[in-house]
């Protein structure tokens, strides 16, 4: 099992920046991919960014060029640097990890952290 704890959300003005952190604990060695999802009020949860075990990354089109995902394997932490924030980035942001243990994949979610961008 993997446990995830996010931090770093808050209130920021449009054009500002925030950095989210997600610390993983538990069976760290089983983790393959880590990423961030978000869910705005009345909308479906959507993938924001993901970093694969290989180190490659993928981003939603809406955040490309503004957000950067990075992974610190030594500290079992994944970050999401969010720049040039827009009001439409307002959402609860969730950290996710995808693990494979004994050939069985499993997904873990953090509790979520609120990001609010004011216009």
Protein backbone atom coordinates (compact mmCIF):
# COMPACT_ATOMS: atom_id res chain seq x y z
CA UNK A 1 0.00 0.00 0.00
CA UNK A 2 1.03 3.57 -0.68
CA UNK A 3 -0.17 6.60 1.26
CA UNK A 4 -0.05 10.09 -0.25
CA UNK A 5 -0.20 13.45 1.53
CA UNK A 6 -0.52 16.68 -0.46
CA UNK A 7 0.39 20.18 0.63
CA UNK A 8 0.87 23.61 -0.87
CA UNK A 9 -2.60 24.63 -1.99
CA UNK A 10 -4.08 28.01 -1.25
CA UNK A 11 -5.45 31.25 -2.61
CA UNK A 12 -3.52 33.18 -5.25
CA UNK A 13 -4.27 35.96 -7.70
CA UNK A 14 -4.41 35.32 -11.41
CA UNK A 15 -0.92 35.33 -12.87
CA UNK A 16 0.60 34.07 -9.64
CA UNK A 17 2.32 30.81 -8.79
CA UNK A 18 1.92 27.92 -6.38
CA UNK A 19 3.85 24.73 -5.82
CA UNK A 20 2.08 21.59 -4.70
CA UNK A 21 3.91 18.75 -2.98
CA UNK A 22 2.91 15.14 -2.51
CA UNK A 23 4.82 12.92 -0.12
CA UNK A 24 4.50 9.17 -0.53
CA UNK A 25 4.95 6.56 2.17
CA UNK A 26 4.45 2.84 2.43
CA UNK A 27 5.72 0.41 -0.21
CA UNK A 28 7.61 3.06 -2.15
CA UNK A 29 9.51 0.60 -4.28
CA UNK A 30 6.28 -0.50 -5.94
CA UNK A 31 5.49 2.96 -7.33
CA UNK A 32 5.74 3.34 -11.09
CA UNK A 33 3.98 6.54 -12.09
CA UNK A 34 2.91 9.57 -10.11
CA UNK A 35 0.79 12.50 -11.10
CA UNK A 36 -1.83 15.11 -10.37
CA UNK A 37 -5.52 15.25 -11.12
CA UNK A 38 -7.92 18.10 -10.41
CA UNK A 39 -11.63 18.48 -9.99
CA UNK A 40 -13.45 21.78 -10.29
CA UNK A 41 -16.99 22.25 -8.91
CA UNK A 42 -19.53 20.60 -11.17
CA UNK A 43 -16.87 19.07 -13.42
CA UNK A 44 -15.30 15.67 -13.82
CA UNK A 45 -11.90 14.89 -12.39
CA UNK A 46 -9.24 15.42 -15.04
CA UNK A 47 -5.58 14.53 -15.42
CA UNK A 48 -3.28 17.54 -15.06
CA UNK A 49 0.17 16.01 -15.31
CA UNK A 50 1.93 12.69 -14.89
CA UNK A 51 5.55 11.64 -14.49
CA UNK A 52 6.41 8.09 -15.45
CA UNK A 53 8.98 5.87 -13.78
CA UNK A 54 11.23 6.55 -16.77
CA UNK A 55 11.14 10.25 -15.96
CA UNK A 56 9.11 11.24 -18.98
CA UNK A 57 6.14 13.50 -18.44
CA UNK A 58 2.78 14.28 -19.95
CA UNK A 59 0.51 17.28 -19.46
CA UNK A 60 -3.04 18.31 -20.15
CA UNK A 61 -3.18 20.77 -23.04
CA UNK A 62 -4.70 23.40 -20.75
CA UNK A 63 -1.60 23.54 -18.54
CA UNK A 64 1.23 22.96 -21.01
CA UNK A 65 3.86 25.66 -20.76
CA UNK A 66 2.55 26.82 -17.36
CA UNK A 67 2.80 23.78 -15.08
CA UNK A 68 5.80 21.56 -14.43
CA UNK A 69 5.72 18.18 -12.72
CA UNK A 70 8.85 16.81 -11.12
CA UNK A 71 9.74 13.85 -8.98
CA UNK A 72 12.29 13.51 -6.19
CA UNK A 73 12.81 9.79 -5.79
CA UNK A 74 15.24 10.23 -2.89
CA UNK A 75 12.50 11.92 -0.85
CA UNK A 76 9.55 10.03 -2.34
CA UNK A 77 7.92 13.28 -3.32
CA UNK A 78 6.28 14.61 -6.47
CA UNK A 79 5.82 18.32 -7.12
CA UNK A 80 3.60 20.41 -9.32
CA UNK A 81 4.93 23.90 -10.03
CA UNK A 82 2.06 26.03 -11.28
CA UNK A 83 2.86 29.35 -12.92
CA UNK A 84 0.72 31.97 -14.65
CA UNK A 85 -2.32 30.64 -12.85
CA UNK A 86 -5.77 31.37 -14.23
CA UNK A 87 -9.17 31.43 -12.50
CA UNK A 88 -10.08 28.30 -14.46
CA UNK A 89 -7.29 26.46 -12.65
CA UNK A 90 -9.38 26.67 -9.48
CA UNK A 91 -10.03 23.12 -8.29
CA UNK A 92 -9.19 20.51 -5.72
CA UNK A 93 -5.90 18.95 -6.77
CA UNK A 94 -5.29 15.28 -6.04
CA UNK A 95 -2.01 13.41 -6.07
CA UNK A 96 -2.05 9.92 -7.55
CA UNK A 97 0.38 7.03 -7.65
CA UNK A 98 0.23 3.87 -9.72
CA UNK A 99 1.99 0.90 -8.19
CA UNK A 100 2.64 -2.64 -9.25
CA UNK A 101 3.10 -5.20 -6.49
CA UNK A 102 3.44 -8.90 -7.26
CA UNK A 103 2.20 -8.15 -10.76
CA UNK A 104 -0.97 -6.45 -9.54
CA UNK A 105 -1.45 -2.77 -10.32
CA UNK A 106 -3.10 -0.47 -7.82
CA UNK A 107 -3.85 3.23 -7.63
CA UNK A 108 -3.56 5.41 -4.56
CA UNK A 109 -5.04 8.89 -4.11
CA UNK A 110 -4.21 11.70 -1.76
CA UNK A 111 -6.87 13.58 0.19
CA UNK A 112 -6.75 16.61 -2.10
CA UNK A 113 -5.65 20.20 -1.66
CA UNK A 114 -7.69 23.24 -2.67
CA UNK A 115 -6.26 25.72 -5.17
CA UNK A 116 -8.23 28.92 -5.67
CA UNK A 117 -7.22 31.52 -8.25
CA UNK A 118 -8.92 34.89 -7.99
CA UNK A 119 -9.38 37.19 -10.97
